[in-house]
């Protein structure tokens, strides 16, 4: 319509008028209802359909069970889906070949039922092989019977031959002239005829059995042929399942991608519409607040004199300055907050205008700058209780560790004493030098171990200080959660390393303290240091160093409690210190006794 409306610009003219009437004309914008969230599509995965013949609901004689009607896993039973194909399988289909394989189950030579069967399942195919074994056993029985009959005929033949051999010869001569016959030859010929009859009968019987067995074997199912046919059918079903499964996966992926994209577009549009509606409402609200504030300020300007405004501004400025004094104390806790507060103060000092008496504009500008400084100092002082505690704790730990460094560095350091007489020095120089060198070696080892742990503890303090500062920053949206998590993980890793260092330091320093006691007590070091003139300065310095070492051990023991670790055994350390003190007292008492 050719009209343009700028957001953030007052809609009412400020050219005078009754403030109450102007305020009555204002209409407070109503927050719009956000657009209704779109209904998102739900993805339901498609289950694969397998080849109908692979259900094996027909290749199931004699069990009549549907082997692959469903499958069972840890999530329960799952019904399988099968595609509706042709009623008759193609002739070359491996499962059609397996279905046609079969035969008449032999019930003569095996345990079959004498009926023809096809569409065999695995148990029936196993039965084909079993009946083959039965027929082989029957053939072995026939061979045994045939052999036994043959041997029986041989025995009977031998008996007849013996009887025929004993028969006398016969002579027929009624008139003095005749012929002679050998009875044994006739007997042997008769035995041979009987043997031949039995042999032929036996062979005919055996061959008839074998022929019948061969017919039964021919009509029965061949286990190798039938088994391979079923195996190829199974391979066909595996291939079919792989291909159909891949196709189903691809369809599911496409469907899931399409639904995801559609839902993402719907959510993006809904989010954009929601943002636009809320942004328009915020713009209208800003216009409303700005117009209302302008009307009230104009009305207030007509009512308040410059003197009243100056007094009020001075009171507000004084109150904010007093508040900022306390904020400065809070901001000085950490380096980051100190730097932030310093930048705010330096910026205020550099840009603050000079306020001339009677200049209301300069006074308003100065008051605005004080309010801005107040906000900056408040933000710098917004340190959480955790941050304050961590900063104070870190400072306390630093001071304690600095003190500990001071005590540790006294180990191995001796004051220079005034020279004694040359005669006394020559008498004790050799033994005293050896004792000092041995003690100095142990002192420096002990100092090195304690220094190493103090350095590790300082690193742990710094890591936790950084983690606490990031945590405070995260609560004020100046640091990300990933930064806080990374800093906390690093601090935890350093804590574990420091605890391991603490245990190691305790073991090594305990051993070194024991070695120190052995050198001092067994080597009678105090007697050497005191000398014949009972000069106690170096001996007392050695005792002071032992106390400093014991103080370091007490620090280590306290760190076990602070870290939540089981306390170490401090009895050996206390015993070592007691032995050294007793050795010093004994040496001093022996030196002071008159010769």
Protein backbone atom coordinates (compact mmCIF):
# COMPACT_ATOMS: atom_id res chain seq x y z
CA UNK A 1 0.00 0.00 0.00
CA UNK A 2 3.08 2.22 -0.28
CA UNK A 3 3.39 2.61 3.51
CA UNK A 4 6.62 1.62 5.27
CA UNK A 5 6.89 1.10 9.00
CA UNK A 6 10.29 1.04 10.73
CA UNK A 7 10.70 -1.33 13.64
CA UNK A 8 11.82 0.34 16.83
CA UNK A 9 10.42 3.76 15.82
CA UNK A 10 7.72 5.33 18.01
CA UNK A 11 4.28 5.32 16.39
CA UNK A 12 2.96 8.37 18.30
CA UNK A 13 4.11 11.87 17.77
CA UNK A 14 5.92 13.51 20.65
CA UNK A 15 4.58 16.91 19.89
CA UNK A 16 2.95 17.57 23.24
CA UNK A 17 -0.41 16.53 24.58
CA UNK A 18 -1.78 15.13 27.80
CA UNK A 19 0.54 12.26 28.94
CA UNK A 20 -2.42 10.31 30.37
CA UNK A 21 -4.28 10.57 27.05
CA UNK A 22 -1.17 9.53 25.11
CA UNK A 23 -0.63 6.53 27.41
CA UNK A 24 -4.29 5.57 27.01
CA UNK A 25 -3.85 5.47 23.24
CA UNK A 26 -1.03 2.93 23.55
CA UNK A 27 -2.05 -0.66 22.93
CA UNK A 28 0.12 -3.26 24.58
CA UNK A 29 1.09 -5.91 22.00
CA UNK A 30 -0.16 -9.40 22.71
CA UNK A 31 2.26 -12.25 22.39
CA UNK A 32 1.10 -14.44 19.50
CA UNK A 33 0.59 -18.15 19.86
CA UNK A 34 3.39 -20.08 18.22
CA UNK A 35 2.46 -22.05 15.11
CA UNK A 36 1.27 -25.56 15.76
CA UNK A 37 4.07 -28.08 15.57
CA UNK A 38 3.71 -30.20 12.44
CA UNK A 39 2.84 -33.84 12.74
CA UNK A 40 5.93 -35.83 11.93
CA UNK A 41 5.86 -39.01 9.92
CA UNK A 42 6.98 -42.18 11.68
CA UNK A 43 9.23 -44.63 9.88
CA UNK A 44 8.12 -48.24 10.00
CA UNK A 45 10.72 -50.58 8.49
CA UNK A 46 9.57 -52.99 5.80
CA UNK A 47 10.26 -56.66 6.43
CA UNK A 48 11.67 -58.74 3.56
CA UNK A 49 9.55 -61.28 1.68
CA UNK A 50 11.27 -64.55 0.84
CA UNK A 51 10.62 -67.00 -1.99
CA UNK A 52 7.54 -69.14 -1.34
CA UNK A 53 9.36 -72.43 -1.97
CA UNK A 54 11.86 -71.53 0.75
CA UNK A 55 9.20 -71.81 3.42
CA UNK A 56 9.59 -75.60 2.97
CA UNK A 57 5.93 -76.16 3.76
CA UNK A 58 5.84 -78.90 1.08
CA UNK A 59 9.34 -80.38 1.36
CA UNK A 60 8.40 -81.77 4.74
CA UNK A 61 7.55 -85.48 4.49
CA UNK A 62 7.07 -87.13 6.95
CA UNK A 63 7.09 -84.43 9.71
CA UNK A 64 4.56 -82.12 7.94
CA UNK A 65 6.04 -79.11 9.77
CA UNK A 66 6.71 -75.65 8.26
CA UNK A 67 10.39 -75.31 9.02
CA UNK A 68 10.70 -71.58 8.27
CA UNK A 69 7.24 -70.30 9.16
CA UNK A 70 8.83 -68.16 11.89
CA UNK A 71 12.17 -67.59 13.51
CA UNK A 72 13.10 -67.10 17.16
CA UNK A 73 15.82 -64.86 18.59
CA UNK A 74 16.50 -63.04 21.86
CA UNK A 75 13.64 -60.60 21.07
CA UNK A 76 11.00 -63.31 20.66
CA UNK A 77 9.17 -65.01 17.78
CA UNK A 78 9.07 -63.37 14.38
CA UNK A 79 6.66 -64.38 11.62
CA UNK A 80 8.38 -64.53 8.24
CA UNK A 81 6.74 -63.21 5.07
CA UNK A 82 6.80 -65.07 1.78
CA UNK A 83 6.07 -63.74 -1.68
CA UNK A 84 3.09 -65.13 -3.55
CA UNK A 85 4.60 -66.66 -6.70
CA UNK A 86 3.49 -69.16 -9.31
CA UNK A 87 1.59 -72.22 -8.19
CA UNK A 88 3.98 -74.51 -10.05
CA UNK A 89 7.71 -73.96 -9.80
CA UNK A 90 9.73 -73.87 -13.03
CA UNK A 91 11.16 -77.21 -14.03
CA UNK A 92 14.75 -76.10 -13.49
CA UNK A 93 14.13 -74.61 -10.03
CA UNK A 94 16.43 -76.41 -7.52
CA UNK A 95 13.58 -76.77 -5.04
CA UNK A 96 11.34 -78.27 -7.77
CA UNK A 97 14.07 -80.84 -8.45
CA UNK A 98 14.37 -81.55 -4.71
CA UNK A 99 10.59 -81.92 -4.43
CA UNK A 100 10.47 -84.55 -7.22
CA UNK A 101 13.24 -86.63 -5.68
CA UNK A 102 11.93 -89.69 -3.80
CA UNK A 103 11.06 -93.37 -4.23
CA UNK A 104 9.41 -96.46 -2.77
CA UNK A 105 10.62 -96.95 0.77
CA UNK A 106 11.97 -100.54 0.96
CA UNK A 107 10.12 -102.62 3.55
CA UNK A 108 11.66 -105.99 2.59
CA UNK A 109 15.32 -105.47 3.14
CA UNK A 110 14.99 -102.26 5.28
CA UNK A 111 12.57 -100.55 7.66
CA UNK A 112 10.51 -98.65 5.03
CA UNK A 113 6.74 -98.74 4.63
CA UNK A 114 6.71 -100.08 1.05
CA UNK A 115 5.03 -96.91 -0.29
CA UNK A 116 6.18 -94.25 -2.73
CA UNK A 117 7.08 -90.84 -1.30
CA UNK A 118 8.48 -87.54 -2.56
CA UNK A 119 8.89 -83.96 -1.15
CA UNK A 120 11.24 -85.43 1.43
CA UNK A 121 12.50 -83.50 4.45
CA UNK A 122 15.89 -83.92 6.06
CA UNK A 123 14.86 -86.88 8.23
CA UNK A 124 13.42 -88.72 5.22
CA UNK A 125 16.63 -88.13 3.24
CA UNK A 126 18.51 -89.54 6.18
CA UNK A 127 16.17 -92.58 6.01
CA UNK A 128 17.25 -93.15 2.38
CA UNK A 129 20.81 -93.56 3.57
CA UNK A 130 19.70 -95.79 6.46
CA UNK A 131 17.84 -98.18 4.11
CA UNK A 132 20.95 -98.36 1.92
CA UNK A 133 22.85 -99.48 4.99
CA UNK A 134 20.15 -102.05 5.82
CA UNK A 135 20.39 -103.50 2.28
CA UNK A 136 24.17 -103.67 2.53
CA UNK A 137 23.75 -105.58 5.79
CA UNK A 138 21.24 -107.92 4.16
CA UNK A 139 23.65 -108.53 1.24
CA UNK A 140 26.35 -109.41 3.74
CA UNK A 141 23.95 -111.88 5.39
CA UNK A 142 23.21 -113.52 2.01
CA UNK A 143 26.93 -113.76 1.27
CA UNK A 144 27.50 -115.39 4.65
CA UNK A 145 24.68 -117.89 4.14
CA UNK A 146 25.88 -118.69 0.63
CA UNK A 147 29.41 -119.28 1.88
CA UNK A 148 28.26 -121.49 4.78
CA UNK A 149 26.11 -123.66 2.46
CA UNK A 150 29.05 -123.99 0.08
CA UNK A 151 31.30 -125.15 2.87
CA UNK A 152 28.62 -127.59 4.05
CA UNK A 153 28.41 -129.11 0.57
CA UNK A 154 32.20 -129.47 0.57
CA UNK A 155 32.00 -131.40 3.85
CA UNK A 156 29.24 -133.71 2.57
CA UNK A 157 31.24 -134.26 -0.65
CA UNK A 158 34.28 -135.25 1.37
CA UNK A 159 32.25 -137.73 3.47
CA UNK A 160 30.77 -139.35 0.33
CA UNK A 161 34.19 -139.59 -1.25
CA UNK A 162 35.47 -141.48 1.80
CA UNK A 163 32.51 -143.90 1.71
CA UNK A 164 32.87 -144.50 -2.01
CA UNK A 165 36.57 -145.19 -1.66
CA UNK A 166 35.85 -148.12 0.74
CA UNK A 167 33.31 -149.84 -1.58
CA UNK A 168 34.65 -153.21 -3.22
CA UNK A 169 34.76 -153.77 -6.95
CA UNK A 170 31.94 -156.01 -8.49
CA UNK A 171 32.55 -158.89 -11.06
CA UNK A 172 29.57 -160.38 -13.02
CA UNK A 173 30.41 -163.84 -14.72
CA UNK A 174 27.49 -166.30 -14.69
CA UNK A 175 29.10 -168.77 -17.19
CA UNK A 176 32.62 -168.12 -16.27
CA UNK A 177 32.80 -165.15 -18.53
CA UNK A 178 31.66 -161.62 -17.48
CA UNK A 179 32.48 -157.91 -16.78
CA UNK A 180 33.89 -156.16 -13.78
CA UNK A 181 32.56 -152.77 -12.20
CA UNK A 182 34.27 -150.33 -9.85
CA UNK A 183 31.65 -149.38 -7.28
CA UNK A 184 33.66 -146.38 -5.95
CA UNK A 185 33.56 -144.69 -9.36
CA UNK A 186 29.81 -144.96 -9.52
CA UNK A 187 29.55 -143.63 -5.97
CA UNK A 188 31.76 -140.62 -6.76
CA UNK A 189 29.74 -139.77 -9.86
CA UNK A 190 26.55 -139.82 -7.86
CA UNK A 191 28.09 -137.54 -5.22
CA UNK A 192 29.16 -135.09 -7.93
CA UNK A 193 25.64 -134.96 -9.33
CA UNK A 194 24.23 -134.20 -5.85
CA UNK A 195 26.85 -131.50 -5.26
CA UNK A 196 26.03 -129.89 -8.57
CA UNK A 197 22.32 -129.82 -7.75
CA UNK A 198 22.97 -128.19 -4.38
CA UNK A 199 25.44 -125.67 -5.84
CA UNK A 200 23.02 -124.63 -8.56
CA UNK A 201 20.14 -124.27 -6.08
CA UNK A 202 22.31 -122.23 -3.74
CA UNK A 203 23.46 -119.89 -6.49
CA UNK A 204 19.96 -119.47 -7.87
CA UNK A 205 18.71 -118.55 -4.39
CA UNK A 206 21.49 -116.01 -3.80
CA UNK A 207 21.12 -114.43 -7.23
CA UNK A 208 17.35 -114.17 -6.74
CA UNK A 209 17.91 -112.38 -3.43
CA UNK A 210 20.41 -110.00 -4.99
CA UNK A 211 18.09 -109.27 -7.88
CA UNK A 212 15.20 -108.46 -5.57
CA UNK A 213 17.48 -106.31 -3.45
CA UNK A 214 18.66 -104.45 -6.57
CA UNK A 215 15.07 -103.79 -7.63
CA UNK A 216 14.23 -102.43 -4.18
CA UNK A 217 17.36 -100.28 -4.21
CA UNK A 218 16.50 -98.96 -7.69
CA UNK A 219 12.96 -98.03 -6.66
CA UNK A 220 14.06 -96.46 -3.33
CA UNK A 221 15.45 -92.91 -3.05
CA UNK A 222 19.15 -92.42 -3.68
CA UNK A 223 20.61 -90.65 -0.63
CA UNK A 224 23.39 -88.91 -2.56
CA UNK A 225 21.16 -87.73 -5.41
CA UNK A 226 18.34 -86.66 -3.10
CA UNK A 227 20.71 -85.03 -0.60
CA UNK A 228 22.44 -82.96 -3.29
CA UNK A 229 19.09 -81.87 -4.71
CA UNK A 230 17.99 -80.65 -1.29
CA UNK A 231 21.38 -78.98 -0.72
CA UNK A 232 21.06 -77.04 -3.99
CA UNK A 233 17.55 -76.01 -2.95
CA UNK A 234 18.96 -74.66 0.33
CA UNK A 235 21.69 -72.75 -1.53
CA UNK A 236 19.01 -71.33 -3.83
CA UNK A 237 17.07 -70.10 -0.76
CA UNK A 238 20.20 -68.55 0.81
CA UNK A 239 20.90 -66.63 -2.41
CA UNK A 240 17.25 -65.58 -2.60
CA UNK A 241 17.32 -64.35 1.02
CA UNK A 242 20.49 -62.30 0.41
CA UNK A 243 19.14 -60.65 -2.74
CA UNK A 244 15.71 -59.94 -1.29
CA UNK A 245 17.25 -58.74 1.97
CA UNK A 246 19.50 -56.27 0.13
CA UNK A 247 16.56 -54.98 -1.88
CA UNK A 248 14.51 -54.53 1.31
CA UNK A 249 17.41 -52.70 3.02
CA UNK A 250 17.74 -50.32 0.09
CA UNK A 251 14.00 -49.60 0.09
CA UNK A 252 14.05 -49.03 3.87
CA UNK A 253 17.03 -46.67 3.56
CA UNK A 254 15.33 -44.65 0.85
CA UNK A 255 12.06 -44.54 2.76
CA UNK A 256 13.83 -43.52 6.00
CA UNK A 257 15.81 -40.82 4.17
CA UNK A 258 12.68 -39.44 2.50
CA UNK A 259 10.78 -39.33 5.80
CA UNK A 260 13.75 -37.74 7.60
CA UNK A 261 14.12 -35.05 4.93
CA UNK A 262 10.40 -34.35 4.95
CA UNK A 263 10.31 -34.09 8.76
CA UNK A 264 13.42 -31.86 8.75
CA UNK A 265 11.81 -29.52 6.21
CA UNK A 266 8.60 -29.38 8.22
CA UNK A 267 10.51 -28.65 11.46
CA UNK A 268 12.65 -26.01 9.75
CA UNK A 269 9.55 -24.25 8.39
CA UNK A 270 7.85 -24.47 11.79
CA UNK A 271 10.94 -23.11 13.56
CA UNK A 272 11.24 -20.25 11.04
CA UNK A 273 7.57 -19.33 11.33
CA UNK A 274 7.83 -19.42 15.14
CA UNK A 275 10.91 -17.20 15.10
CA UNK A 276 9.31 -14.70 12.72
CA UNK A 277 6.14 -14.45 14.82
CA UNK A 278 8.11 -13.97 18.04
CA UNK A 279 10.45 -11.45 16.39
CA UNK A 280 7.53 -9.37 15.17
CA UNK A 281 6.04 -9.42 18.66
CA UNK A 282 9.36 -8.36 20.21
CA UNK A 283 9.66 -5.49 17.71
CA UNK A 284 6.15 -4.30 18.57
CA UNK A 285 6.92 -4.63 22.27
CA UNK A 286 10.10 -2.57 21.86
CA UNK A 287 8.07 0.10 20.06
CA UNK A 288 5.52 0.02 22.87
CA UNK A 289 8.11 0.29 25.67
CA UNK A 290 10.07 2.99 23.84
CA UNK A 291 6.96 5.10 23.23
CA UNK A 292 5.73 4.64 26.79
CA UNK A 293 9.14 5.52 28.21
CA UNK A 294 9.39 8.64 25.99
CA UNK A 295 5.96 9.86 27.11
CA UNK A 296 6.82 9.35 30.77
CA UNK A 297 10.24 10.98 30.41
CA UNK A 298 8.69 13.97 28.67
CA UNK A 299 6.13 14.26 31.44
CA UNK A 300 8.82 13.84 34.06
CA UNK A 301 10.96 16.50 32.40
CA UNK A 302 8.12 18.95 32.79
CA UNK A 303 7.79 18.13 36.49
CA UNK A 304 11.38 17.83 37.71
CA UNK A 305 13.61 20.89 38.02
CA UNK A 306 17.32 20.80 37.22
CA UNK A 307 18.15 21.09 40.91
CA UNK A 308 16.01 18.10 41.78
CA UNK A 309 17.50 16.08 38.92
CA UNK A 310 21.05 17.01 39.97
CA UNK A 311 20.36 15.95 43.56
CA UNK A 312 18.80 12.69 42.48
CA UNK A 313 21.64 11.99 40.02
CA UNK A 314 24.24 12.71 42.72
CA UNK A 315 22.50 10.32 45.14
CA UNK A 316 22.32 7.58 42.52
CA UNK A 317 25.94 8.12 41.53
CA UNK A 318 27.06 7.95 45.17
CA UNK A 319 25.10 4.74 45.76
CA UNK A 320 26.52 3.10 42.63
CA UNK A 321 30.07 4.12 43.57
CA UNK A 322 29.67 2.51 47.01
CA UNK A 323 28.33 -0.68 45.39
CA UNK A 324 31.19 -0.70 42.89
CA UNK A 325 33.68 -0.56 45.77
CA UNK A 326 32.40 -3.93 47.00
CA UNK A 327 32.26 -5.23 43.43
CA UNK A 328 35.91 -4.32 43.03
CA UNK A 329 36.82 -6.53 46.00
CA UNK A 330 34.98 -9.47 44.42
CA UNK A 331 36.48 -8.78 40.99
CA UNK A 332 40.01 -8.85 42.42
CA UNK A 333 39.76 -12.56 43.29
CA UNK A 334 40.95 -13.94 39.94
CA UNK A 335 43.21 -12.62 37.17
CA UNK A 336 40.40 -12.73 34.59
CA UNK A 337 37.95 -10.68 36.68
CA UNK A 338 40.69 -8.22 37.68
CA UNK A 339 41.53 -7.64 34.02
CA UNK A 340 37.84 -7.16 33.15
CA UNK A 341 37.32 -4.66 35.98
CA UNK A 342 40.53 -2.80 35.05
CA UNK A 343 39.43 -2.43 31.43
CA UNK A 344 36.03 -1.05 32.52
CA UNK A 345 37.61 1.50 34.88
CA UNK A 346 40.21 2.60 32.33
CA UNK A 347 37.52 3.04 29.69
CA UNK A 348 35.39 5.11 32.07
CA UNK A 349 38.30 7.36 33.05
CA UNK A 350 39.29 7.86 29.40
CA UNK A 351 35.78 8.74 28.12
CA UNK A 352 33.98 10.34 31.09
CA UNK A 353 32.94 13.91 30.19
CA UNK A 354 33.40 16.97 32.33
CA UNK A 355 30.05 18.07 33.84
CA UNK A 356 29.56 21.82 33.99
CA UNK A 357 27.17 23.29 36.57
CA UNK A 358 23.69 23.78 35.18
CA UNK A 359 24.25 21.55 32.10
CA UNK A 360 21.53 18.90 32.38
CA UNK A 361 22.56 17.12 29.18
CA UNK A 362 26.11 16.55 30.42
CA UNK A 363 24.75 15.35 33.77
CA UNK A 364 22.45 12.81 32.09
CA UNK A 365 25.31 11.58 29.89
CA UNK A 366 27.62 11.23 32.89
CA UNK A 367 24.94 9.34 34.84
CA UNK A 368 24.49 6.95 31.91
CA UNK A 369 28.24 6.30 31.81
CA UNK A 370 28.30 5.63 35.57
CA UNK A 371 25.43 3.18 35.12
CA UNK A 372 27.34 1.47 32.30
CA UNK A 373 30.44 1.23 34.50
CA UNK A 374 28.26 -0.16 37.29
CA UNK A 375 27.01 -2.88 34.93
CA UNK A 376 30.54 -3.78 33.78
CA UNK A 377 31.82 -3.99 37.37
CA UNK A 378 28.80 -6.06 38.34
CA UNK A 379 29.51 -8.50 35.51
CA UNK A 380 33.17 -8.72 36.52
CA UNK A 381 32.18 -9.35 40.14
CA UNK A 382 29.66 -12.06 39.20
CA UNK A 383 31.94 -14.80 40.43
CA UNK A 384 30.14 -17.86 41.69
CA UNK A 385 30.67 -19.23 45.19
CA UNK A 386 32.57 -22.10 43.62
CA UNK A 387 34.84 -19.67 41.77
CA UNK A 388 35.51 -17.61 44.91
CA UNK A 389 36.23 -20.72 46.93
CA UNK A 390 38.52 -22.11 44.26
CA UNK A 391 40.43 -18.84 43.95
CA UNK A 392 40.91 -18.48 47.72
CA UNK A 393 41.81 -22.15 48.01
CA UNK A 394 44.31 -21.84 45.16
CA UNK A 395 45.94 -18.80 46.79
CA UNK A 396 46.13 -20.59 50.14
CA UNK A 397 47.68 -23.63 48.54
CA UNK A 398 50.22 -21.45 46.74
CA UNK A 399 51.22 -19.76 50.00
CA UNK A 400 51.49 -23.13 51.77
CA UNK A 401 53.60 -24.56 48.96
CA UNK A 402 55.81 -21.46 48.91
CA UNK A 403 56.40 -21.97 52.63
CA UNK A 404 57.08 -25.64 51.97
CA UNK A 405 59.62 -24.66 49.27
CA UNK A 406 61.35 -22.45 51.79
CA UNK A 407 61.55 -25.31 54.31
CA UNK A 408 62.73 -27.76 51.67
CA UNK A 409 65.46 -25.49 50.40
CA UNK A 410 66.96 -25.32 53.86
CA UNK A 411 67.91 -29.00 53.38
CA UNK A 412 71.53 -29.35 52.37
CA UNK A 413 72.35 -25.69 53.13
CA UNK A 414 74.67 -24.97 56.03
CA UNK A 415 75.70 -21.61 57.42
CA UNK A 416 79.33 -20.68 57.28
CA UNK A 417 80.79 -20.59 60.72
CA UNK A 418 83.81 -18.71 61.99
CA UNK A 419 87.05 -20.56 61.68
CA UNK A 420 88.32 -22.43 64.67
CA UNK A 421 91.80 -22.94 65.66
CA UNK A 422 94.03 -24.58 63.06
CA UNK A 423 94.91 -27.34 65.44
CA UNK A 424 91.23 -28.30 66.08
CA UNK A 425 90.45 -28.09 62.35
CA UNK A 426 93.35 -30.45 61.50
CA UNK A 427 92.16 -32.98 64.06
CA UNK A 428 88.55 -33.22 62.87
CA UNK A 429 88.77 -32.08 59.23
CA UNK A 430 88.85 -35.52 57.68
CA UNK A 431 85.99 -37.18 59.61
CA UNK A 432 83.80 -34.03 59.54
CA UNK A 433 84.21 -33.60 55.76
CA UNK A 434 83.27 -37.21 55.13
CA UNK A 435 80.19 -36.94 57.35
CA UNK A 436 79.10 -33.69 55.71
CA UNK A 437 79.49 -35.16 52.19
CA UNK A 438 77.43 -38.24 53.06
CA UNK A 439 74.71 -36.15 54.72
CA UNK A 440 74.73 -33.60 51.89
CA UNK A 441 74.09 -36.34 49.32
CA UNK A 442 71.03 -37.57 51.22
CA UNK A 443 69.81 -34.00 51.84
CA UNK A 444 69.81 -33.17 48.13
CA UNK A 445 68.04 -36.42 47.20
CA UNK A 446 65.39 -35.70 49.84
CA UNK A 447 65.00 -32.13 48.61
CA UNK A 448 64.70 -33.28 45.00
CA UNK A 449 61.87 -35.72 45.83
CA UNK A 450 59.92 -33.12 47.83
CA UNK A 451 60.47 -30.48 45.15
CA UNK A 452 59.17 -32.88 42.51
CA UNK A 453 55.95 -33.50 44.41
CA UNK A 454 55.44 -29.78 45.14
CA UNK A 455 55.76 -29.03 41.42
CA UNK A 456 53.19 -31.74 40.63
CA UNK A 457 50.85 -30.37 43.32
CA UNK A 458 51.17 -26.86 41.91
CA UNK A 459 50.24 -28.18 38.46
CA UNK A 460 47.16 -29.85 39.98
CA UNK A 461 46.15 -26.57 41.66
CA UNK A 462 46.52 -24.67 38.39
CA UNK A 463 44.45 -27.29 36.54
CA UNK A 464 41.62 -27.07 39.06
CA UNK A 465 41.78 -23.27 39.10
CA UNK A 466 41.36 -23.23 35.32
CA UNK A 467 38.49 -25.72 35.57
CA UNK A 468 36.73 -23.60 38.23
CA UNK A 469 37.17 -20.45 36.15
CA UNK A 470 35.71 -22.17 33.09
CA UNK A 471 32.83 -23.46 35.21
CA UNK A 472 32.10 -19.91 36.36
CA UNK A 473 32.33 -18.77 32.75
CA UNK A 474 29.94 -21.52 31.68
CA UNK A 475 27.38 -20.35 34.21
CA UNK A 476 27.65 -16.85 32.70
CA UNK A 477 27.57 -18.20 29.11
CA UNK A 478 31.15 -17.12 28.35
CA UNK A 479 32.49 -20.68 28.08
CA UNK A 480 31.14 -23.76 26.37
CA UNK A 481 30.29 -27.05 28.04
CA UNK A 482 32.89 -28.87 25.92
CA UNK A 483 35.57 -26.54 27.33
CA UNK A 484 34.43 -27.22 30.91
CA UNK A 485 34.33 -30.98 30.31
CA UNK A 486 37.79 -30.96 28.72
CA UNK A 487 39.28 -28.90 31.57
CA UNK A 488 37.64 -31.15 34.18
CA UNK A 489 38.97 -34.30 32.43
CA UNK A 490 42.46 -32.81 32.33
CA UNK A 491 42.24 -31.85 36.01
CA UNK A 492 41.10 -35.36 36.93
CA UNK A 493 43.97 -36.90 34.94
CA UNK A 494 46.46 -34.61 36.68
CA UNK A 495 44.87 -35.50 40.05
CA UNK A 496 45.49 -39.21 39.42
CA UNK A 497 49.08 -38.47 38.35
CA UNK A 498 49.65 -36.31 41.42
CA UNK A 499 48.28 -39.00 43.74
CA UNK A 500 50.64 -41.54 42.19
CA UNK A 501 53.50 -39.06 42.61
CA UNK A 502 52.47 -38.57 46.27
CA UNK A 503 52.65 -42.31 46.97
CA UNK A 504 55.98 -42.61 45.20
CA UNK A 505 57.40 -39.56 47.01
CA UNK A 506 56.31 -40.94 50.40
CA UNK A 507 58.05 -44.27 49.75
CA UNK A 508 61.28 -42.69 48.51
CA UNK A 509 61.47 -39.96 51.18
CA UNK A 510 60.71 -42.48 53.95
CA UNK A 511 63.60 -44.61 52.75
CA UNK A 512 65.87 -41.56 52.44
CA UNK A 513 64.95 -40.44 55.96
CA UNK A 514 65.81 -43.94 57.22
CA UNK A 515 69.13 -43.77 55.34
CA UNK A 516 69.73 -40.36 56.92
CA UNK A 517 69.14 -41.77 60.40
CA UNK A 518 71.51 -44.65 59.68
CA UNK A 519 74.25 -42.21 58.59
CA UNK A 520 73.77 -39.92 61.59
CA UNK A 521 73.26 -42.55 64.33
CA UNK A 522 75.49 -45.39 63.12
CA UNK A 523 78.20 -43.00 61.89
CA UNK A 524 78.10 -40.97 65.12
CA UNK A 525 77.89 -37.79 63.01
CA UNK A 526 76.90 -35.51 65.87
CA UNK A 527 80.04 -36.45 67.83
CA UNK A 528 82.11 -35.54 64.76
CA UNK A 529 80.25 -32.26 64.23
CA UNK A 530 80.48 -31.24 67.90
CA UNK A 531 84.20 -31.98 68.05
CA UNK A 532 86.29 -31.77 71.11
CA UNK A 533 85.34 -28.14 71.71
CA UNK A 534 81.58 -28.89 71.73
CA UNK A 535 80.92 -26.41 68.90
CA UNK A 536 77.16 -26.97 68.38
CA UNK A 537 76.32 -24.68 65.43
CA UNK A 538 76.61 -27.25 62.60
CA UNK A 539 75.03 -29.97 64.74
CA UNK A 540 72.08 -27.71 65.50
CA UNK A 541 71.77 -26.85 61.82
CA UNK A 542 71.62 -30.58 61.06
CA UNK A 543 68.89 -31.04 63.65
CA UNK A 544 66.99 -28.09 62.10
CA UNK A 545 67.27 -29.72 58.69
CA UNK A 546 65.94 -32.99 60.10
CA UNK A 547 62.97 -31.07 61.50
CA UNK A 548 62.41 -29.42 58.09
CA UNK A 549 62.48 -32.84 56.45
CA UNK A 550 59.99 -34.11 59.05
CA UNK A 551 57.80 -31.07 58.29
CA UNK A 552 57.87 -32.04 54.62
CA UNK A 553 56.85 -35.59 55.56
CA UNK A 554 53.96 -34.21 57.64
CA UNK A 555 52.91 -32.18 54.61
CA UNK A 556 52.91 -35.34 52.50
CA UNK A 557 50.87 -37.14 55.18
CA UNK A 558 48.33 -34.29 55.19
CA UNK A 559 48.07 -34.49 51.40
CA UNK A 560 46.96 -38.12 51.71
CA UNK A 561 44.00 -37.01 53.85
CA UNK A 562 43.17 -34.07 51.57
CA UNK A 563 43.21 -36.32 48.50
CA UNK A 564 40.90 -38.89 50.12
CA UNK A 565 43.64 -41.54 50.10
CA UNK A 566 44.31 -44.12 52.84
CA UNK A 567 46.82 -42.63 55.31
CA UNK A 568 50.41 -43.91 55.04
CA UNK A 569 52.23 -45.57 57.89
CA UNK A 570 53.92 -42.65 59.66
CA UNK A 571 55.34 -44.69 62.55
CA UNK A 572 58.73 -45.37 60.84
CA UNK A 573 59.14 -41.63 60.13
CA UNK A 574 58.43 -40.69 63.74
CA UNK A 575 60.85 -43.37 64.92
CA UNK A 576 63.59 -42.01 62.62
CA UNK A 577 63.16 -38.44 63.94
CA UNK A 578 63.21 -39.71 67.53
CA UNK A 579 66.43 -41.68 66.91
CA UNK A 580 68.16 -38.63 65.42
CA UNK A 581 67.06 -36.34 68.28
CA UNK A 582 68.22 -38.94 70.85
CA UNK A 583 71.57 -39.27 69.06
CA UNK A 584 72.04 -35.49 69.16
CA UNK A 585 71.15 -35.29 72.87
CA UNK A 586 73.50 -38.19 73.70
CA UNK A 587 76.37 -36.64 71.69
CA UNK A 588 75.82 -33.25 73.28
CA UNK A 589 75.63 -34.72 76.76
CA UNK A 590 78.85 -36.68 76.18
CA UNK A 591 80.65 -33.60 74.91
CA UNK A 592 79.62 -31.41 77.84
CA UNK A 593 80.84 -33.89 80.46
CA UNK A 594 84.20 -32.88 81.86
CA UNK A 595 87.13 -34.97 80.64
